[in-house]
N, C-alpha and C. Protein backbone atom coordinates (compact mmCIF):
# COMPACT_ATOMS: atom_id res chain seq x y z
N MET A 1 55.14 13.63 -47.48
CA MET A 1 55.63 12.56 -46.59
C MET A 1 54.77 12.63 -45.22
N GLN A 2 54.42 11.49 -44.75
CA GLN A 2 53.61 11.37 -43.53
C GLN A 2 54.58 11.17 -42.39
N GLN A 3 54.20 11.73 -41.24
CA GLN A 3 55.03 11.54 -40.05
C GLN A 3 54.06 10.99 -38.94
N GLU A 4 54.69 10.44 -37.96
CA GLU A 4 53.98 10.04 -36.69
C GLU A 4 53.38 11.06 -36.00
N PRO A 5 52.12 10.96 -35.53
CA PRO A 5 51.45 11.99 -34.84
C PRO A 5 52.05 12.31 -33.48
N ALA A 6 52.14 13.48 -33.02
CA ALA A 6 52.54 13.92 -31.68
C ALA A 6 51.33 14.22 -30.91
N ALA A 7 51.25 13.58 -29.73
CA ALA A 7 50.07 13.76 -28.88
C ALA A 7 50.23 15.09 -28.18
N LEU A 8 49.12 15.89 -28.29
CA LEU A 8 49.13 17.20 -27.60
C LEU A 8 47.92 17.20 -26.66
N GLY A 9 47.96 16.31 -25.67
CA GLY A 9 46.76 16.16 -24.79
C GLY A 9 46.03 15.00 -25.18
N ARG A 10 44.91 14.73 -24.43
CA ARG A 10 44.09 13.52 -24.62
C ARG A 10 43.28 13.56 -25.87
N HIS A 11 42.94 14.71 -26.41
CA HIS A 11 42.03 14.82 -27.53
C HIS A 11 42.66 15.26 -28.78
N LEU A 12 43.91 15.46 -28.90
CA LEU A 12 44.63 15.99 -30.02
C LEU A 12 45.92 15.37 -30.37
N ARG A 13 46.14 15.09 -31.67
CA ARG A 13 47.47 14.65 -32.07
C ARG A 13 47.66 15.45 -33.47
N VAL A 14 48.93 15.84 -33.60
CA VAL A 14 49.30 16.63 -34.76
C VAL A 14 50.42 15.93 -35.51
N ARG A 15 50.34 15.96 -36.79
CA ARG A 15 51.42 15.40 -37.66
C ARG A 15 51.29 16.13 -39.09
N GLN A 16 52.32 15.89 -39.85
CA GLN A 16 52.42 16.40 -41.08
C GLN A 16 52.12 15.38 -42.24
N ASP A 17 51.41 15.68 -43.24
CA ASP A 17 51.13 14.75 -44.34
C ASP A 17 51.00 15.52 -45.57
N ARG A 18 51.90 15.23 -46.52
CA ARG A 18 51.81 15.84 -47.86
C ARG A 18 51.78 17.46 -47.82
N GLY A 19 52.59 17.97 -46.96
CA GLY A 19 52.59 19.46 -46.94
C GLY A 19 51.44 20.14 -46.08
N HIS A 20 50.65 19.26 -45.38
CA HIS A 20 49.55 19.81 -44.62
C HIS A 20 49.74 19.37 -43.11
N THR A 21 49.30 20.31 -42.32
CA THR A 21 49.27 19.99 -40.88
C THR A 21 48.00 19.28 -40.59
N VAL A 22 48.02 18.09 -40.00
CA VAL A 22 46.86 17.30 -39.76
C VAL A 22 46.64 17.34 -38.25
N LEU A 23 45.43 17.79 -37.88
CA LEU A 23 44.98 17.83 -36.55
C LEU A 23 44.01 16.64 -36.38
N GLU A 24 44.42 15.61 -35.63
CA GLU A 24 43.61 14.42 -35.41
C GLU A 24 42.87 14.62 -34.07
N LEU A 25 41.68 14.83 -34.13
CA LEU A 25 40.75 15.00 -32.94
C LEU A 25 40.30 13.61 -32.51
N ARG A 26 40.39 13.43 -31.17
CA ARG A 26 40.06 12.06 -30.71
C ARG A 26 39.10 12.04 -29.52
N GLY A 27 38.26 11.04 -29.35
CA GLY A 27 37.41 10.86 -28.18
C GLY A 27 36.21 11.80 -28.27
N GLU A 28 35.90 12.28 -27.12
CA GLU A 28 34.69 13.20 -26.99
C GLU A 28 35.18 14.60 -27.15
N ILE A 29 34.57 15.20 -28.19
CA ILE A 29 34.86 16.67 -28.40
C ILE A 29 33.73 17.53 -27.78
N ASP A 30 33.95 17.96 -26.66
CA ASP A 30 33.02 18.71 -25.87
C ASP A 30 33.72 20.00 -25.38
N ILE A 31 33.11 20.76 -24.51
CA ILE A 31 33.72 21.96 -24.07
C ILE A 31 35.08 21.84 -23.43
N ALA A 32 35.22 20.75 -22.58
CA ALA A 32 36.48 20.42 -22.01
C ALA A 32 37.49 20.16 -22.97
N ALA A 33 37.22 19.31 -23.99
CA ALA A 33 38.19 19.09 -25.06
C ALA A 33 38.57 20.30 -25.85
N ALA A 34 37.56 21.12 -26.17
CA ALA A 34 37.76 22.37 -26.92
C ALA A 34 38.71 23.29 -26.16
N VAL A 35 38.65 23.33 -24.88
CA VAL A 35 39.57 24.26 -24.17
C VAL A 35 41.08 23.68 -24.28
N GLU A 36 41.17 22.45 -24.42
CA GLU A 36 42.52 21.84 -24.61
C GLU A 36 43.01 22.00 -26.09
N ILE A 37 42.07 22.00 -26.97
CA ILE A 37 42.43 22.03 -28.43
C ILE A 37 42.66 23.41 -28.89
N ILE A 38 41.96 24.43 -28.42
CA ILE A 38 42.03 25.86 -29.03
C ILE A 38 43.38 26.32 -29.19
N PRO A 39 44.26 26.30 -28.15
CA PRO A 39 45.61 26.90 -28.27
C PRO A 39 46.44 26.32 -29.44
N HIS A 40 46.23 25.01 -29.63
CA HIS A 40 47.02 24.33 -30.72
C HIS A 40 46.39 24.68 -32.10
N LEU A 41 45.02 24.76 -32.12
CA LEU A 41 44.38 25.14 -33.29
C LEU A 41 44.78 26.46 -33.74
N ASP A 42 44.79 27.43 -32.80
CA ASP A 42 45.14 28.80 -33.07
C ASP A 42 46.53 28.93 -33.54
N ARG A 43 47.41 28.13 -32.91
CA ARG A 43 48.88 28.18 -33.33
C ARG A 43 49.07 27.83 -34.79
N VAL A 44 48.49 26.65 -35.12
CA VAL A 44 48.65 26.15 -36.54
C VAL A 44 47.90 27.04 -37.62
N THR A 45 46.87 27.67 -37.25
CA THR A 45 46.03 28.49 -38.17
C THR A 45 46.49 29.84 -38.20
N ALA A 46 47.46 30.29 -37.45
CA ALA A 46 48.01 31.58 -37.39
C ALA A 46 48.91 31.91 -38.49
N ARG A 47 49.49 30.88 -39.17
CA ARG A 47 50.46 31.03 -40.33
C ARG A 47 49.72 31.47 -41.49
N PRO A 48 50.38 32.36 -42.36
CA PRO A 48 49.86 32.69 -43.65
C PRO A 48 49.77 31.47 -44.63
N GLU A 49 48.78 31.36 -45.36
CA GLU A 49 48.57 30.34 -46.36
C GLU A 49 48.74 28.93 -45.78
N CYS A 50 48.26 28.66 -44.54
CA CYS A 50 48.40 27.43 -43.81
C CYS A 50 47.56 26.37 -44.57
N ARG A 51 48.03 25.27 -44.52
CA ARG A 51 47.30 24.01 -45.14
C ARG A 51 47.01 23.04 -44.06
N ILE A 52 45.68 23.05 -43.68
CA ILE A 52 45.27 22.22 -42.53
C ILE A 52 44.22 21.06 -42.89
N VAL A 53 44.36 20.04 -42.23
CA VAL A 53 43.37 18.96 -42.34
C VAL A 53 42.94 18.72 -40.89
N ILE A 54 41.66 18.71 -40.64
CA ILE A 54 41.04 18.26 -39.36
C ILE A 54 40.48 16.86 -39.56
N ASP A 55 41.08 15.93 -38.90
CA ASP A 55 40.70 14.53 -39.05
C ASP A 55 39.81 14.14 -37.87
N LEU A 56 38.55 13.80 -38.14
CA LEU A 56 37.51 13.57 -37.10
C LEU A 56 37.25 12.05 -37.06
N ARG A 57 38.04 11.20 -37.64
CA ARG A 57 37.68 9.71 -37.73
C ARG A 57 37.82 9.05 -36.40
N GLN A 58 38.52 9.62 -35.46
CA GLN A 58 38.62 9.02 -34.08
C GLN A 58 37.76 9.66 -33.12
N VAL A 59 36.81 10.49 -33.56
CA VAL A 59 35.92 11.22 -32.69
C VAL A 59 34.72 10.32 -32.28
N GLU A 60 34.34 10.15 -31.06
CA GLU A 60 33.25 9.38 -30.58
C GLU A 60 31.97 10.18 -30.32
N PHE A 61 32.25 11.53 -29.88
CA PHE A 61 31.15 12.29 -29.54
C PHE A 61 31.55 13.73 -29.94
N PHE A 62 30.59 14.55 -30.51
CA PHE A 62 30.86 15.80 -31.15
C PHE A 62 29.65 16.61 -30.95
N ASP A 63 29.85 17.68 -30.11
CA ASP A 63 28.76 18.59 -29.81
C ASP A 63 29.04 20.06 -30.36
N CYS A 64 28.34 20.98 -29.93
CA CYS A 64 28.43 22.36 -30.47
C CYS A 64 29.82 22.89 -30.30
N SER A 65 30.47 22.51 -29.30
CA SER A 65 31.94 22.90 -29.09
C SER A 65 32.78 22.46 -30.14
N GLY A 66 32.57 21.23 -30.70
CA GLY A 66 33.31 20.78 -31.91
C GLY A 66 32.97 21.56 -33.16
N LEU A 67 31.70 21.92 -33.29
CA LEU A 67 31.31 22.71 -34.48
C LEU A 67 32.02 24.12 -34.26
N ARG A 68 32.02 24.72 -33.14
CA ARG A 68 32.73 25.99 -32.96
C ARG A 68 34.18 25.86 -33.28
N LEU A 69 34.90 24.73 -32.96
CA LEU A 69 36.27 24.48 -33.42
C LEU A 69 36.42 24.53 -34.84
N LEU A 70 35.51 23.75 -35.56
CA LEU A 70 35.66 23.72 -37.03
C LEU A 70 35.41 25.17 -37.69
N TYR A 71 34.44 25.78 -37.15
CA TYR A 71 34.14 27.14 -37.70
C TYR A 71 35.25 28.15 -37.40
N ARG A 72 35.81 28.06 -36.25
CA ARG A 72 36.92 28.89 -35.82
C ARG A 72 38.10 28.59 -36.81
N ALA A 73 38.47 27.41 -36.97
CA ALA A 73 39.61 26.91 -37.88
C ALA A 73 39.28 27.53 -39.29
N ARG A 74 38.02 27.37 -39.80
CA ARG A 74 37.72 27.80 -41.19
C ARG A 74 37.89 29.39 -41.18
N SER A 75 37.40 30.07 -40.23
CA SER A 75 37.50 31.54 -40.22
C SER A 75 39.01 32.00 -40.35
N ARG A 76 39.76 31.36 -39.47
CA ARG A 76 41.26 31.75 -39.35
C ARG A 76 41.99 31.44 -40.55
N VAL A 77 41.69 30.18 -41.11
CA VAL A 77 42.40 29.77 -42.38
C VAL A 77 41.99 30.72 -43.53
N LEU A 78 40.70 30.97 -43.70
CA LEU A 78 40.25 31.93 -44.76
C LEU A 78 40.84 33.25 -44.66
N ASP A 79 41.01 33.78 -43.43
CA ASP A 79 41.65 35.08 -43.27
C ASP A 79 43.08 35.18 -43.59
N ARG A 80 43.72 34.02 -43.75
CA ARG A 80 45.16 33.90 -44.06
C ARG A 80 45.40 33.27 -45.41
N ASP A 81 44.33 33.19 -46.20
CA ASP A 81 44.46 32.63 -47.63
C ASP A 81 44.89 31.20 -47.55
N GLY A 82 44.55 30.42 -46.59
CA GLY A 82 44.99 29.02 -46.55
C GLY A 82 43.89 28.09 -47.04
N GLN A 83 44.17 26.75 -46.76
CA GLN A 83 43.29 25.75 -47.23
C GLN A 83 42.87 24.87 -45.99
N LEU A 84 41.66 24.43 -45.86
CA LEU A 84 41.17 23.62 -44.83
C LEU A 84 40.32 22.50 -45.29
N TYR A 85 40.64 21.31 -44.95
CA TYR A 85 39.88 20.13 -45.28
C TYR A 85 39.41 19.37 -44.00
N VAL A 86 38.31 18.70 -44.11
CA VAL A 86 37.85 17.93 -42.94
C VAL A 86 37.71 16.52 -43.43
N VAL A 87 38.20 15.52 -42.62
CA VAL A 87 37.92 14.08 -42.84
C VAL A 87 37.14 13.55 -41.81
N CYS A 88 36.04 12.93 -42.22
CA CYS A 88 35.03 12.49 -41.23
C CYS A 88 34.19 11.32 -41.78
N THR A 89 34.05 10.21 -40.92
CA THR A 89 33.18 9.07 -41.40
C THR A 89 32.16 8.80 -40.36
N HIS A 90 32.21 9.29 -39.17
CA HIS A 90 31.25 8.92 -38.12
C HIS A 90 29.87 9.54 -38.47
N PRO A 91 28.81 8.61 -38.51
CA PRO A 91 27.47 9.03 -38.94
C PRO A 91 26.87 10.13 -38.09
N LEU A 92 27.00 10.06 -36.88
CA LEU A 92 26.38 11.12 -36.00
C LEU A 92 27.10 12.44 -36.18
N THR A 93 28.36 12.52 -36.29
CA THR A 93 29.22 13.72 -36.52
C THR A 93 28.86 14.28 -37.81
N LEU A 94 28.68 13.42 -38.82
CA LEU A 94 28.28 13.96 -40.17
C LEU A 94 26.88 14.48 -40.10
N ARG A 95 25.97 13.85 -39.35
CA ARG A 95 24.68 14.35 -39.26
C ARG A 95 24.53 15.76 -38.59
N VAL A 96 25.39 15.91 -37.52
CA VAL A 96 25.46 17.26 -36.91
C VAL A 96 25.98 18.29 -37.94
N MET A 97 27.03 17.87 -38.65
CA MET A 97 27.59 18.86 -39.62
C MET A 97 26.55 19.23 -40.70
N ARG A 98 25.91 18.23 -41.09
CA ARG A 98 24.87 18.56 -42.25
C ARG A 98 23.68 19.34 -41.66
N ALA A 99 23.21 19.05 -40.44
CA ALA A 99 21.93 19.69 -39.89
C ALA A 99 22.26 21.17 -39.62
N THR A 100 23.52 21.42 -39.30
CA THR A 100 23.87 22.89 -39.00
C THR A 100 24.36 23.63 -40.23
N GLY A 101 24.51 22.94 -41.34
CA GLY A 101 25.01 23.65 -42.50
C GLY A 101 26.49 23.68 -42.61
N LEU A 102 27.15 23.22 -41.68
CA LEU A 102 28.69 23.37 -41.72
C LEU A 102 29.28 22.43 -42.80
N ALA A 103 28.58 21.36 -43.15
CA ALA A 103 29.03 20.44 -44.12
C ALA A 103 29.02 21.10 -45.48
N ARG A 104 28.28 22.16 -45.71
CA ARG A 104 28.30 22.94 -47.00
C ARG A 104 29.56 23.82 -46.96
N LEU A 105 29.96 24.38 -45.83
CA LEU A 105 31.13 25.18 -45.77
C LEU A 105 32.42 24.35 -45.72
N LEU A 106 32.41 23.24 -45.03
CA LEU A 106 33.57 22.42 -44.95
C LEU A 106 33.17 20.88 -45.34
N PRO A 107 33.08 20.69 -46.68
CA PRO A 107 32.61 19.35 -47.09
C PRO A 107 33.50 18.28 -46.51
N PRO A 108 32.92 17.21 -45.80
CA PRO A 108 33.64 16.24 -45.22
C PRO A 108 34.10 15.14 -46.26
N HIS A 109 35.30 14.67 -46.07
CA HIS A 109 35.86 13.69 -46.94
C HIS A 109 36.01 12.35 -46.21
N PRO A 110 35.83 11.21 -46.81
CA PRO A 110 35.94 9.88 -46.03
C PRO A 110 37.44 9.49 -45.66
N THR A 111 38.41 10.01 -46.44
CA THR A 111 39.85 9.56 -46.30
C THR A 111 40.68 10.83 -46.52
N MET A 112 41.94 10.65 -46.01
CA MET A 112 42.97 11.70 -46.28
C MET A 112 43.19 11.77 -47.81
N ASP A 113 43.21 10.59 -48.41
CA ASP A 113 43.47 10.70 -49.86
C ASP A 113 42.41 11.40 -50.62
N ALA A 114 41.21 11.29 -50.18
CA ALA A 114 40.05 11.97 -50.84
C ALA A 114 40.16 13.49 -50.57
N ALA A 115 40.54 13.79 -49.32
CA ALA A 115 40.63 15.17 -48.99
C ALA A 115 41.75 15.88 -49.69
N LEU A 116 42.92 15.26 -49.79
CA LEU A 116 44.03 15.88 -50.39
C LEU A 116 44.26 15.68 -51.86
N GLY A 117 43.46 14.70 -52.36
CA GLY A 117 43.54 14.34 -53.81
C GLY A 117 42.77 15.26 -54.68
N ARG A 118 41.93 16.04 -54.16
CA ARG A 118 41.11 16.88 -54.95
C ARG A 118 41.23 18.43 -54.60
N PRO A 119 42.33 19.10 -55.05
CA PRO A 119 42.50 20.44 -54.60
C PRO A 119 41.37 21.45 -55.07
N GLU A 120 40.66 21.12 -56.07
CA GLU A 120 39.62 22.03 -56.58
C GLU A 120 38.49 21.95 -55.47
N ALA A 121 38.36 21.02 -54.56
CA ALA A 121 37.35 20.91 -53.65
C ALA A 121 37.80 21.50 -52.30
N ALA A 122 38.77 22.34 -52.36
CA ALA A 122 39.33 22.93 -51.09
C ALA A 122 38.28 23.84 -50.48
N SER A 123 37.94 23.46 -49.28
CA SER A 123 36.85 24.16 -48.55
C SER A 123 37.27 25.51 -48.03
N GLY A 124 38.72 25.68 -47.93
CA GLY A 124 39.23 26.94 -47.45
C GLY A 124 39.38 27.95 -48.52
N SER A 125 39.16 27.66 -49.79
CA SER A 125 39.22 28.57 -50.91
C SER A 125 38.05 29.47 -50.89
N VAL A 126 38.28 30.69 -51.30
CA VAL A 126 37.16 31.69 -51.40
C VAL A 126 36.68 31.73 -52.84
């Protein structure tokens, strides 16, 4: 079941969808946004076997701070035997993810249904 997102600052909204915690990142994801997002990211990825989706569809700018957020989430989720999915459609964000190799570790999906409809493609699985 999907719930309305709760705003946790200017760059982050959190909601539940089909048993997953969805972190909707918004706007410009730079170092200032990362400082705002990290405490919430760490809280939701601290749970054992957490099921997380990071939704980047509302992101307008994404730099190395955003990459560090994704890698941090991946590491924390893997350490706790969880699952992590990324939803992204922005061409520049996808290009940054591909150029850095992060897209191989966290394959981006175009929609929530695509991310959650294929459990065998769970990027958080070892």
